[in-house]
Amino acid sequence: MKNKYLLSAVLGIATLTTAWAQNPVQVKYANTITVEDLTKHLTYLASDEMKGRDTGSPEGKIAANYLADFYKGLGLTAPNAGSYFQNVPLVSSRFTQVSLQIGKTKLVENTDFVFTGDGNLAKAVKTDLVFLGLVSDENLAKVDVKGKLVGLWAVGVRSNDLVTKVMDAGAAGIVIVTMEGQANFDRIANRYKSMAGNGRIGFDQEIKQRPVFMVSSDKMAQLFGASVEVLKEAAKTNPETIASQKASYQIVKTKAPVDAVNVMGFLEGTDKKEEVLVISSHYDHVGVSATGDAFNGADDDGSGTVSVMEIAEAFAKAAKDGVKPRRSLLFLNVTGEEKGLLGSEYYSENPVFPIANTVNNINIDMVGRIDYEYQKEANKDYVYVIGSEMLSSQLKKINEYNNITYTNLILDYRYDAADDPNRFYYRSDHYNFAKFNIPVIFFFNGVHDDYHQVTDTVDKIEFPLMTKRAQLIFHTAWDLANREQRTPVDGTNTRTDR
């Protein structure tokens, strides 16, 4: 009996029970989350017939309707003025012409380079390609970047910040290396090639002349007529030693509206119903490959979406039995995560319920597989937990308490850092809630060989493990929805500019 009091002392939260005993009512409804139900829903949503559930596609709309009908069948409320949908005003931007020539070499889009920037230029721009290497004040003082295409070496760092700094210094555009090796670049290029016919989806904003091209380290070396090793060395402190090259580029862009929606089901709470706990996933994926094969997205994020569905069903069954949560619950399946966290950005900026009343976001993105790190481990009952103590001193402890009490998974925090080089904290939909100082937890199984490949299929899902992960999330959500005080915002990464 000693451990039960020790745990309570370690957690340091007065409202946590000191009794080392499971809540039988809570367990009853957690056990309604089953392998069979998860399998049924995922087999449908990640089928070949759904053609990868691309954002704004007919199949994406079918998936959205499937979710809305499910929530309606549970008796959940349509919270957006009687609708289960929130329209997200996206447009598809097609770059009907993107050309890049260095010297006499005409580069091939999505083979030699990928275009990641923005712009619309009626005529080709002629300039020089200069090598800056690493972005620093010292290098910017040595290289004249004004009006030039600028070669950046940005491996392992956040490239967007570097691009902004160089564009602000007067550069006309950027040619950037953001990964090592040709094989890694080819994987990115193939993904861009598969999406080329669909256009690039985003919000309808004023076009910025921001030509940004991405190449591999091998291609960067070829463009400047030097080895990768020479460029790496020059990138540090001697970029001016690399000779500039003549360059020209052109970008032609057209735009069309996209029919995209977030899907929501709402369960009103009792005495604390004005406070809302959001449980989220992204339900769409990236469509089909250039050869017509579906990116099924069984793990990414079919697994998170069906987990949200099953958690919603567990709470709905409890409510029908008269066991309603104290706080309200919003089950939120967002669109456009793969396109830049677009649906969650729109919801956080245009919330159906006041953002100040949103107590937490639990985000579930890829919870159906076993990653590289655990494939050879004897105990594979794990889940990565990201962001749980970024904004609140209590959220991580609450999740750990429920795990110890109910599920006994390995909670792995190796990616739980703002400076994690993988940047997973910034790469899923919870981040758009964290930007508003809402404490978040992101549940994740890590990366595997089928990540963003047409081989991310239902037959590879570890359904018993996914069930256990979903049950942990349910228990943590039950705790957050019913405890006396909402989790305080007292972490070290709180924002002061909101």
Protein backbone atom coordinates (compact mmCIF):
# COMPACT_ATOMS: atom_id res chain seq x y z
CA MET A 1 0.00 0.00 0.00
CA LYS A 2 3.01 2.27 0.32
CA ASN A 3 3.21 2.98 -3.45
CA LYS A 4 -0.25 4.49 -3.69
CA TYR A 5 0.61 7.33 -1.34
CA LEU A 6 4.04 7.77 -2.90
CA LEU A 7 2.46 8.24 -6.32
CA SER A 8 0.05 10.84 -5.00
CA ALA A 9 2.90 12.69 -3.32
CA VAL A 10 5.00 12.62 -6.48
CA LEU A 11 2.13 13.95 -8.54
CA GLY A 12 1.56 16.71 -6.04
CA ILE A 13 -2.02 17.32 -7.14
CA ALA A 14 -4.48 17.55 -4.30
CA THR A 15 -7.47 16.55 -6.38
CA LEU A 16 -5.97 13.19 -7.35
CA THR A 17 -7.27 10.30 -5.33
CA THR A 18 -4.86 8.59 -2.94
CA ALA A 19 -6.66 5.28 -3.33
CA TRP A 20 -4.81 2.82 -5.58
CA ALA A 21 -8.02 1.56 -7.12
CA GLN A 22 -9.55 1.70 -10.56
CA ASN A 23 -12.87 3.41 -11.05
CA PRO A 24 -15.13 0.53 -12.18
CA VAL A 25 -17.49 2.87 -14.05
CA GLN A 26 -14.59 4.41 -15.93
CA VAL A 27 -13.19 0.97 -16.75
CA LYS A 28 -16.60 -0.20 -17.99
CA TYR A 29 -16.73 2.49 -20.66
CA ALA A 30 -13.03 2.26 -21.53
CA ASN A 31 -13.64 -1.40 -22.35
CA THR A 32 -16.16 -0.39 -25.03
CA ILE A 33 -13.12 0.69 -27.07
CA THR A 34 -12.43 -2.59 -28.86
CA VAL A 35 -10.23 -4.11 -31.53
CA GLU A 36 -13.32 -5.08 -33.49
CA ASP A 37 -14.78 -1.57 -33.68
CA LEU A 38 -11.46 0.07 -34.46
CA THR A 39 -10.86 -2.48 -37.21
CA LYS A 40 -14.30 -1.94 -38.72
CA HIS A 41 -13.98 1.83 -38.98
CA LEU A 42 -10.37 1.85 -40.16
CA THR A 43 -10.96 -0.83 -42.78
CA TYR A 44 -13.51 1.51 -44.34
CA LEU A 45 -11.71 4.85 -43.99
CA ALA A 46 -8.33 3.53 -45.19
CA SER A 47 -9.68 1.35 -48.01
CA ASP A 48 -8.44 1.69 -51.59
CA GLU A 49 -11.91 2.96 -52.50
CA MET A 50 -11.31 6.04 -50.35
CA LYS A 51 -8.38 6.98 -52.61
CA GLY A 52 -6.26 8.45 -49.84
CA ARG A 53 -8.94 10.84 -48.49
CA ASP A 54 -7.20 13.86 -49.98
CA THR A 55 -8.14 17.28 -48.66
CA GLY A 56 -11.17 18.60 -50.51
CA SER A 57 -11.53 15.48 -52.68
CA PRO A 58 -14.85 13.63 -53.13
CA GLU A 59 -13.46 10.80 -51.00
CA GLY A 60 -12.39 13.28 -48.33
CA LYS A 61 -15.98 14.53 -48.24
CA ILE A 62 -17.24 10.93 -47.97
CA ALA A 63 -14.96 10.44 -44.96
CA ALA A 64 -16.27 13.66 -43.40
CA ASN A 65 -19.86 12.53 -43.85
CA TYR A 66 -19.01 9.13 -42.36
CA LEU A 67 -17.75 10.86 -39.23
CA ALA A 68 -20.69 13.24 -39.00
CA ASP A 69 -23.17 10.38 -39.38
CA PHE A 70 -21.34 8.46 -36.68
CA TYR A 71 -21.51 11.35 -34.23
CA LYS A 72 -25.16 11.89 -35.04
CA GLY A 73 -25.83 8.21 -34.38
CA LEU A 74 -24.19 8.52 -30.98
CA GLY A 75 -26.53 11.35 -30.07
CA LEU A 76 -23.76 13.94 -30.01
CA THR A 77 -24.76 17.53 -30.78
CA ALA A 78 -23.96 19.32 -34.03
CA PRO A 79 -22.24 22.33 -32.44
CA ASN A 80 -21.80 24.74 -35.34
CA ALA A 81 -25.25 26.32 -35.64
CA GLY A 82 -26.79 22.89 -36.06
CA SER A 83 -24.06 21.50 -38.32
CA TYR A 84 -21.41 18.87 -37.68
CA PHE A 85 -19.16 20.70 -40.15
CA GLN A 86 -17.02 23.81 -40.06
CA ASN A 87 -16.20 25.07 -43.54
CA VAL A 88 -12.49 25.81 -43.94
CA PRO A 89 -11.88 28.39 -46.73
CA LEU A 90 -9.02 26.82 -48.64
CA VAL A 91 -7.84 27.25 -52.20
CA SER A 92 -5.82 25.01 -54.46
CA SER A 93 -2.87 26.81 -56.00
CA ARG A 94 -1.50 25.20 -59.12
CA PHE A 95 1.91 26.19 -60.31
CA THR A 96 1.33 25.60 -63.99
CA GLN A 97 4.91 26.51 -64.79
CA VAL A 98 7.95 26.40 -62.52
CA SER A 99 11.32 26.65 -64.21
CA LEU A 100 14.83 26.90 -62.81
CA GLN A 101 17.99 27.16 -64.87
CA ILE A 102 21.50 27.42 -63.46
CA GLY A 103 24.16 28.21 -66.05
CA LYS A 104 23.22 26.17 -69.09
CA THR A 105 21.52 23.46 -67.04
CA LYS A 106 17.71 23.39 -67.06
CA LEU A 107 16.64 21.62 -63.89
CA VAL A 108 13.63 19.30 -63.88
CA GLU A 109 10.92 20.06 -61.30
CA ASN A 110 10.26 17.27 -58.76
CA THR A 111 13.36 15.46 -60.00
CA ASP A 112 16.25 17.90 -59.64
CA PHE A 113 14.41 20.34 -57.38
CA VAL A 114 11.10 20.90 -55.62
CA PHE A 115 9.42 24.27 -55.37
CA THR A 116 8.32 25.09 -51.81
CA GLY A 117 7.81 28.84 -52.02
CA ASP A 118 5.23 31.14 -53.58
CA GLY A 119 5.01 33.59 -56.43
CA ASN A 120 3.50 34.46 -59.79
CA LEU A 121 5.84 35.87 -62.40
CA ALA A 122 4.69 36.58 -65.95
CA LYS A 123 8.27 36.72 -67.21
CA ALA A 124 11.39 34.78 -66.31
CA VAL A 125 13.76 36.52 -63.90
CA LYS A 126 17.46 36.53 -64.74
CA THR A 127 19.94 36.93 -61.90
CA ASP A 128 22.90 35.23 -60.22
CA LEU A 129 22.94 32.27 -57.85
CA VAL A 130 25.33 33.08 -55.00
CA PHE A 131 26.41 30.80 -52.18
CA LEU A 132 25.74 31.98 -48.63
CA GLY A 133 26.01 28.64 -46.88
CA LEU A 134 25.05 28.90 -43.24
CA VAL A 135 22.87 31.88 -42.43
CA SER A 136 24.75 34.20 -40.09
CA ASP A 137 25.38 37.89 -39.80
CA GLU A 138 29.03 37.25 -40.63
CA ASN A 139 28.23 35.43 -43.86
CA LEU A 140 25.61 37.99 -44.86
CA ALA A 141 28.30 40.68 -44.50
CA LYS A 142 30.55 38.75 -46.91
CA VAL A 143 28.04 37.88 -49.64
CA ASP A 144 25.94 40.36 -51.60
CA VAL A 145 22.49 38.70 -51.66
CA LYS A 146 20.41 41.64 -52.89
CA GLY A 147 18.42 40.71 -55.97
CA LYS A 148 20.10 37.29 -56.14
CA LEU A 149 19.11 33.67 -55.78
CA VAL A 150 20.88 32.53 -52.61
CA GLY A 151 22.14 29.03 -51.87
CA LEU A 152 21.61 28.05 -48.23
CA TRP A 153 22.94 25.15 -46.24
CA ALA A 154 20.23 24.52 -43.66
CA VAL A 155 20.60 20.87 -42.68
CA GLY A 156 19.11 20.03 -39.27
CA VAL A 157 17.68 23.47 -38.48
CA ARG A 158 14.37 25.25 -38.94
CA SER A 159 14.69 26.43 -42.52
CA ASN A 160 11.67 28.78 -42.56
CA ASP A 161 13.34 31.17 -40.14
CA LEU A 162 16.50 31.20 -42.23
CA VAL A 163 14.63 31.83 -45.46
CA THR A 164 12.84 34.79 -43.87
CA LYS A 165 16.10 36.27 -42.64
CA VAL A 166 17.73 36.03 -46.07
CA MET A 167 14.67 37.35 -47.92
CA ASP A 168 14.54 40.26 -45.49
CA ALA A 169 18.16 40.97 -46.45
CA GLY A 170 17.02 41.56 -50.03
CA ALA A 171 17.41 38.18 -51.71
CA ALA A 172 15.25 37.55 -54.78
CA GLY A 173 14.86 33.87 -53.92
CA ILE A 174 16.38 30.86 -52.21
CA VAL A 175 17.88 27.53 -53.23
CA ILE A 176 18.06 25.50 -50.05
CA VAL A 177 19.43 22.19 -48.83
CA THR A 178 17.36 20.88 -45.94
CA MET A 179 18.35 17.21 -45.86
CA GLU A 180 21.48 15.16 -46.44
CA GLY A 181 21.82 12.71 -49.29
CA GLN A 182 20.14 12.12 -52.61
CA ALA A 183 17.94 9.27 -51.33
CA ASN A 184 16.22 11.48 -48.76
CA PHE A 185 15.65 14.19 -51.33
CA ASP A 186 14.25 11.72 -53.86
CA ARG A 187 11.66 10.63 -51.31
CA ILE A 188 10.50 14.23 -50.85
CA ALA A 189 10.56 14.88 -54.60
CA ASN A 190 8.44 11.81 -55.32
CA ARG A 191 5.84 13.02 -52.84
CA TYR A 192 5.71 16.45 -54.49
CA LYS A 193 5.44 14.76 -57.89
CA SER A 194 2.47 12.69 -56.72
CA MET A 195 0.69 15.83 -55.48
CA ALA A 196 1.56 18.02 -58.48
CA GLY A 197 -1.71 17.40 -60.31
CA ASN A 198 -3.78 18.29 -57.25
CA GLY A 199 -2.29 21.69 -56.65
CA ARG A 200 -0.99 23.06 -53.37
CA ILE A 201 -3.71 23.67 -50.81
CA GLY A 202 -3.74 26.57 -48.38
CA PHE A 203 -5.58 29.71 -47.34
CA ASP A 204 -6.34 32.33 -49.96
CA GLN A 205 -3.73 34.94 -49.26
CA GLU A 206 -2.06 37.66 -51.24
CA ILE A 207 0.62 36.17 -53.44
CA LYS A 208 4.10 36.86 -52.13
CA GLN A 209 7.05 36.75 -54.46
CA ARG A 210 8.94 34.18 -52.43
CA PRO A 211 10.74 31.83 -54.82
CA VAL A 212 12.12 29.00 -52.69
CA PHE A 213 13.58 25.91 -54.31
CA MET A 214 14.80 22.81 -52.48
CA VAL A 215 17.62 20.61 -53.75
CA SER A 216 19.70 17.77 -52.39
CA SER A 217 23.20 18.34 -51.09
CA ASP A 218 24.53 16.47 -54.15
CA LYS A 219 22.62 18.73 -56.53
CA MET A 220 23.72 21.88 -54.66
CA ALA A 221 27.33 20.77 -55.13
CA GLN A 222 26.74 20.14 -58.82
CA LEU A 223 25.22 23.59 -59.32
CA PHE A 224 28.25 25.31 -57.84
CA GLY A 225 30.79 22.96 -59.43
CA ALA A 226 32.23 21.86 -56.09
CA SER A 227 32.08 18.79 -53.89
CA VAL A 228 29.66 18.47 -51.00
CA GLU A 229 32.62 18.51 -48.62
CA VAL A 230 33.97 21.76 -50.08
CA LEU A 231 30.54 23.40 -49.81
CA LYS A 232 30.12 22.25 -46.23
CA GLU A 233 33.44 23.76 -45.26
CA ALA A 234 32.83 27.01 -47.13
CA ALA A 235 29.34 27.27 -45.65
CA LYS A 236 30.72 27.98 -42.20
CA THR A 237 32.87 31.07 -42.58
CA ASN A 238 34.09 31.38 -46.20
CA PRO A 239 31.05 31.39 -48.50
CA GLU A 240 32.60 34.08 -50.70
CA THR A 241 35.13 31.54 -51.98
CA ILE A 242 32.41 29.75 -53.96
CA ALA A 243 31.93 31.27 -57.43
CA SER A 244 28.47 32.56 -58.34
CA GLN A 245 26.48 31.14 -61.28
CA LYS A 246 24.11 32.68 -63.79
CA ALA A 247 20.49 31.80 -63.05
CA SER A 248 16.95 32.29 -64.27
CA TYR A 249 13.58 31.19 -62.93
CA GLN A 250 9.84 31.63 -63.53
CA ILE A 251 6.69 30.77 -61.57
CA VAL A 252 3.14 30.84 -62.99
CA LYS A 253 0.30 30.31 -60.50
CA THR A 254 -3.49 29.86 -60.69
CA LYS A 255 -5.98 29.38 -57.83
CA ALA A 256 -9.32 27.58 -57.34
CA PRO A 257 -11.51 27.08 -54.22
CA VAL A 258 -11.40 23.80 -52.27
CA ASP A 259 -14.45 22.29 -50.54
CA ALA A 260 -12.89 21.39 -47.18
CA VAL A 261 -14.44 20.94 -43.74
CA ASN A 262 -13.59 20.16 -40.14
CA VAL A 263 -15.95 17.64 -38.51
CA MET A 264 -17.23 18.03 -34.94
CA GLY A 265 -19.34 16.13 -32.43
CA PHE A 266 -20.19 17.76 -29.10
CA LEU A 267 -21.13 16.33 -25.71
CA GLU A 268 -22.30 18.94 -23.22
CA GLY A 269 -21.04 18.66 -19.67
CA THR A 270 -22.85 19.23 -16.41
CA ASP A 271 -21.73 21.75 -13.80
CA LYS A 272 -18.61 22.85 -15.73
CA LYS A 273 -20.15 22.73 -19.19
CA GLU A 274 -18.74 26.12 -20.25
CA GLU A 275 -15.26 24.60 -20.16
CA VAL A 276 -14.39 22.43 -23.19
CA LEU A 277 -11.92 19.59 -23.65
CA VAL A 278 -11.00 19.07 -27.33
CA ILE A 279 -9.98 15.61 -28.56
CA SER A 280 -8.63 15.79 -32.11
CA SER A 281 -7.21 13.98 -35.10
CA HIS A 282 -6.88 14.74 -38.81
CA TYR A 283 -9.12 12.57 -40.93
CA ASP A 284 -7.81 13.28 -44.44
CA HIS A 285 -4.53 12.29 -46.03
CA VAL A 286 -2.66 12.92 -49.31
CA GLY A 287 -4.68 11.17 -52.01
CA VAL A 288 -3.13 8.96 -54.69
CA SER A 289 0.34 8.59 -56.17
CA ALA A 290 1.38 9.60 -59.67
CA THR A 291 0.74 5.99 -60.70
CA GLY A 292 -2.77 5.97 -59.20
CA ASP A 293 -2.00 3.99 -56.05
CA ALA A 294 -3.82 5.15 -52.92
CA PHE A 295 -1.95 6.61 -49.99
CA ASN A 296 -4.33 4.76 -47.64
CA GLY A 297 -3.12 6.58 -44.53
CA ALA A 298 -4.14 3.75 -42.22
CA ASP A 299 -1.75 4.90 -39.52
CA ASP A 300 -1.51 8.53 -40.65
CA ASP A 301 -4.05 9.42 -39.43
CA GLY A 302 -6.72 6.83 -39.86
CA SER A 303 -5.56 5.34 -36.56
CA GLY A 304 -6.05 8.61 -34.69
CA THR A 305 -9.39 9.28 -36.32
CA VAL A 306 -10.93 5.91 -35.44
CA SER A 307 -9.51 6.29 -31.92
CA VAL A 308 -11.36 9.60 -31.56
CA MET A 309 -14.52 7.88 -32.82
CA GLU A 310 -14.24 5.09 -30.25
CA ILE A 311 -13.45 7.49 -27.42
CA ALA A 312 -16.49 9.56 -28.42
CA GLU A 313 -18.62 6.43 -28.39
CA ALA A 314 -17.39 5.48 -24.92
CA PHE A 315 -18.31 8.91 -23.53
CA ALA A 316 -21.65 8.87 -25.37
CA LYS A 317 -22.54 5.48 -23.90
CA ALA A 318 -21.68 6.75 -20.43
CA ALA A 319 -23.85 9.84 -20.98
CA LYS A 320 -26.80 7.70 -22.08
CA ASP A 321 -26.40 5.76 -18.84
CA GLY A 322 -26.58 9.04 -16.90
CA VAL A 323 -22.82 9.37 -16.36
CA LYS A 324 -22.08 12.67 -18.08
CA PRO A 325 -18.75 14.51 -17.85
CA ARG A 326 -18.56 17.69 -15.82
CA ARG A 327 -16.83 19.55 -18.63
CA SER A 328 -18.01 19.52 -22.22
CA LEU A 329 -16.21 17.46 -24.85
CA LEU A 330 -15.57 18.44 -28.46
CA PHE A 331 -14.53 15.61 -30.77
CA LEU A 332 -12.75 17.40 -33.60
CA ASN A 333 -11.54 15.80 -36.83
CA VAL A 334 -9.68 18.41 -38.82
CA THR A 335 -8.79 18.78 -42.46
CA GLY A 336 -5.56 19.75 -44.16
CA GLU A 337 -3.02 18.62 -41.56
CA GLU A 338 -0.78 17.24 -44.28
CA LYS A 339 -1.01 20.57 -46.10
CA GLY A 340 0.25 22.61 -43.14
CA LEU A 341 -2.04 22.09 -40.10
CA LEU A 342 -4.68 24.11 -41.91
CA GLY A 343 -7.93 22.84 -40.39
CA SER A 344 -6.70 23.13 -36.82
CA GLU A 345 -5.29 26.57 -37.56
CA TYR A 346 -8.67 27.67 -38.83
CA TYR A 347 -10.50 26.22 -35.84
CA SER A 348 -8.14 27.82 -33.32
CA GLU A 349 -8.50 31.18 -35.07
CA ASN A 350 -12.28 30.75 -35.50
CA PRO A 351 -13.35 28.53 -32.61
CA VAL A 352 -16.91 27.30 -32.24
CA PHE A 353 -16.43 27.59 -28.47
CA PRO A 354 -14.36 30.42 -26.93
CA ILE A 355 -10.69 29.59 -27.01
CA ALA A 356 -10.40 30.91 -23.44
CA ASN A 357 -12.84 28.18 -22.36
CA THR A 358 -10.84 25.42 -24.06
CA VAL A 359 -9.10 23.69 -21.18
CA ASN A 360 -6.95 21.15 -23.05
CA ASN A 361 -6.35 19.60 -26.43
CA ILE A 362 -5.60 15.89 -26.69
CA ASN A 363 -4.33 15.19 -30.21
CA ILE A 364 -4.01 11.70 -31.68
CA ASP A 365 -1.88 11.38 -34.81
CA MET A 366 -0.46 7.95 -35.71
CA VAL A 367 -1.12 5.47 -32.91
CA GLY A 368 -1.50 2.22 -34.85
CA ARG A 369 2.05 1.03 -35.49
CA ILE A 370 5.40 0.18 -33.92
CA ASP A 371 8.30 2.39 -35.00
CA TYR A 372 11.97 1.73 -35.66
CA GLU A 373 12.94 2.24 -32.04
CA TYR A 374 10.66 -0.47 -30.63
CA GLN A 375 10.63 -3.09 -33.38
CA LYS A 376 13.34 -5.13 -31.64
CA GLU A 377 12.21 -4.46 -28.08
CA ALA A 378 10.69 -7.28 -26.03
CA ASN A 379 8.06 -4.92 -24.62
CA LYS A 380 6.37 -3.04 -27.45
CA ASP A 381 3.53 -1.60 -25.35
CA TYR A 382 4.60 2.02 -25.67
CA VAL A 383 3.41 5.38 -26.90
CA TYR A 384 5.29 8.62 -27.40
CA VAL A 385 3.87 11.49 -25.35
CA ILE A 386 4.74 14.96 -26.62
CA GLY A 387 4.01 18.41 -25.20
CA SER A 388 2.36 17.34 -21.95
CA GLU A 389 4.49 19.58 -19.72
CA MET A 390 5.27 22.38 -22.15
CA LEU A 391 2.44 24.57 -20.87
CA SER A 392 1.21 22.99 -17.64
CA SER A 393 2.97 21.44 -14.67
CA GLN A 394 0.08 19.02 -14.12
CA LEU A 395 -0.92 17.55 -17.48
CA LYS A 396 1.98 15.11 -17.75
CA LYS A 397 1.39 13.93 -14.19
CA ILE A 398 -2.32 13.40 -14.79
CA ASN A 399 -1.60 11.28 -17.86
CA GLU A 400 1.02 9.26 -15.99
CA TYR A 401 -1.37 8.65 -13.11
CA ASN A 402 -4.01 7.26 -15.44
CA ASN A 403 -1.48 5.13 -17.27
CA ILE A 404 -0.19 3.60 -14.04
CA THR A 405 -3.72 3.04 -12.80
CA TYR A 406 -5.28 1.61 -15.94
CA THR A 407 -3.05 0.75 -18.92
CA ASN A 408 0.63 0.38 -17.92
CA LEU A 409 2.07 1.47 -21.26
CA ILE A 410 5.64 2.68 -21.62
CA LEU A 411 5.31 6.46 -21.89
CA ASP A 412 8.28 7.54 -23.98
CA TYR A 413 9.27 11.22 -23.83
CA ARG A 414 12.30 11.17 -26.14
CA TYR A 415 10.62 13.60 -28.59
CA ASP A 416 9.16 15.79 -25.88
CA ALA A 417 11.30 18.86 -26.28
CA ALA A 418 10.85 22.18 -28.03
CA ASP A 419 14.29 21.75 -29.61
CA ASP A 420 13.80 18.12 -30.71
CA PRO A 421 15.47 17.97 -34.16
CA ASN A 422 12.44 16.06 -35.52
CA ARG A 423 10.26 18.97 -34.39
CA PHE A 424 7.27 16.68 -33.76
CA TYR A 425 5.86 19.18 -31.25
CA TYR A 426 5.32 21.60 -34.13
CA ARG A 427 4.17 19.07 -36.73
CA SER A 428 0.64 18.08 -35.77
CA ASP A 429 -2.62 19.80 -34.97
CA HIS A 430 -2.15 20.24 -31.22
CA TYR A 431 0.37 22.99 -31.96
CA ASN A 432 -2.36 25.37 -33.13
CA PHE A 433 -3.95 25.05 -29.68
CA ALA A 434 -0.60 25.37 -27.89
CA LYS A 435 -0.08 28.69 -29.68
CA PHE A 436 -2.99 29.98 -27.59
CA ASN A 437 -1.49 28.65 -24.35
CA ILE A 438 -3.86 25.69 -24.18
CA PRO A 439 -2.09 22.74 -22.52
CA VAL A 440 -1.83 19.88 -25.00
CA ILE A 441 -0.87 16.22 -25.18
CA PHE A 442 0.14 14.68 -28.49
CA PHE A 443 0.02 10.86 -28.67
CA PHE A 444 2.22 9.36 -31.39
CA ASN A 445 3.76 6.00 -32.33
CA GLY A 446 6.80 7.31 -34.19
CA VAL A 447 7.94 6.93 -37.79
CA HIS A 448 8.18 3.69 -39.78
CA ASP A 449 9.01 2.65 -43.35
CA ASP A 450 5.42 3.16 -44.51
CA TYR A 451 5.17 6.77 -43.32
CA HIS A 452 3.70 8.80 -46.22
CA GLN A 453 3.95 5.79 -48.52
CA VAL A 454 1.27 3.87 -50.39
CA THR A 455 2.15 0.93 -48.12
CA ASP A 456 0.56 2.55 -45.03
CA THR A 457 -2.25 -0.01 -45.08
CA VAL A 458 -4.71 -1.52 -42.60
CA ASP A 459 -3.09 -4.97 -42.57
CA LYS A 460 -0.02 -3.49 -40.83
CA ILE A 461 -1.93 -1.91 -37.94
CA GLU A 462 -1.29 -3.33 -34.46
CA PHE A 463 -4.92 -3.25 -33.36
CA PRO A 464 -4.50 -4.64 -29.79
CA LEU A 465 -1.80 -2.04 -29.07
CA MET A 466 -3.82 0.73 -30.69
CA THR A 467 -6.78 -0.25 -28.53
CA LYS A 468 -4.68 0.03 -25.40
CA ARG A 469 -3.39 3.43 -26.46
CA ALA A 470 -6.93 4.66 -27.16
CA GLN A 471 -8.05 3.40 -23.75
CA LEU A 472 -5.25 5.38 -22.06
CA ILE A 473 -6.37 8.50 -23.90
CA PHE A 474 -9.95 7.87 -22.81
CA HIS A 475 -8.90 7.54 -19.15
CA THR A 476 -6.88 10.75 -19.29
CA ALA A 477 -9.75 12.55 -21.01
CA TRP A 478 -12.18 11.25 -18.34
CA ASP A 479 -9.91 12.63 -15.64
CA LEU A 480 -9.50 16.03 -17.33
CA ALA A 481 -13.24 16.30 -17.96
CA ASN A 482 -14.22 15.52 -14.37
CA ARG A 483 -11.56 16.94 -12.06
CA GLU A 484 -12.35 19.97 -9.91
CA GLN A 485 -9.81 22.42 -11.37
CA ARG A 486 -8.72 22.79 -14.98
CA THR A 487 -4.99 22.30 -15.54
CA PRO A 488 -3.09 25.53 -14.84
CA VAL A 489 -1.08 27.24 -17.56
CA ASP A 490 2.21 27.53 -15.72
CA GLY A 491 4.76 25.83 -17.97
CA THR A 492 8.07 27.19 -19.21
CA ASN A 493 6.92 27.49 -22.83
CA THR A 494 3.86 29.68 -22.29
CA ARG A 495 3.39 32.51 -24.77
CA THR A 496 3.10 36.12 -23.70
CA ASP A 497 2.26 37.62 -27.11
CA ARG A 498 -1.37 36.44 -27.17
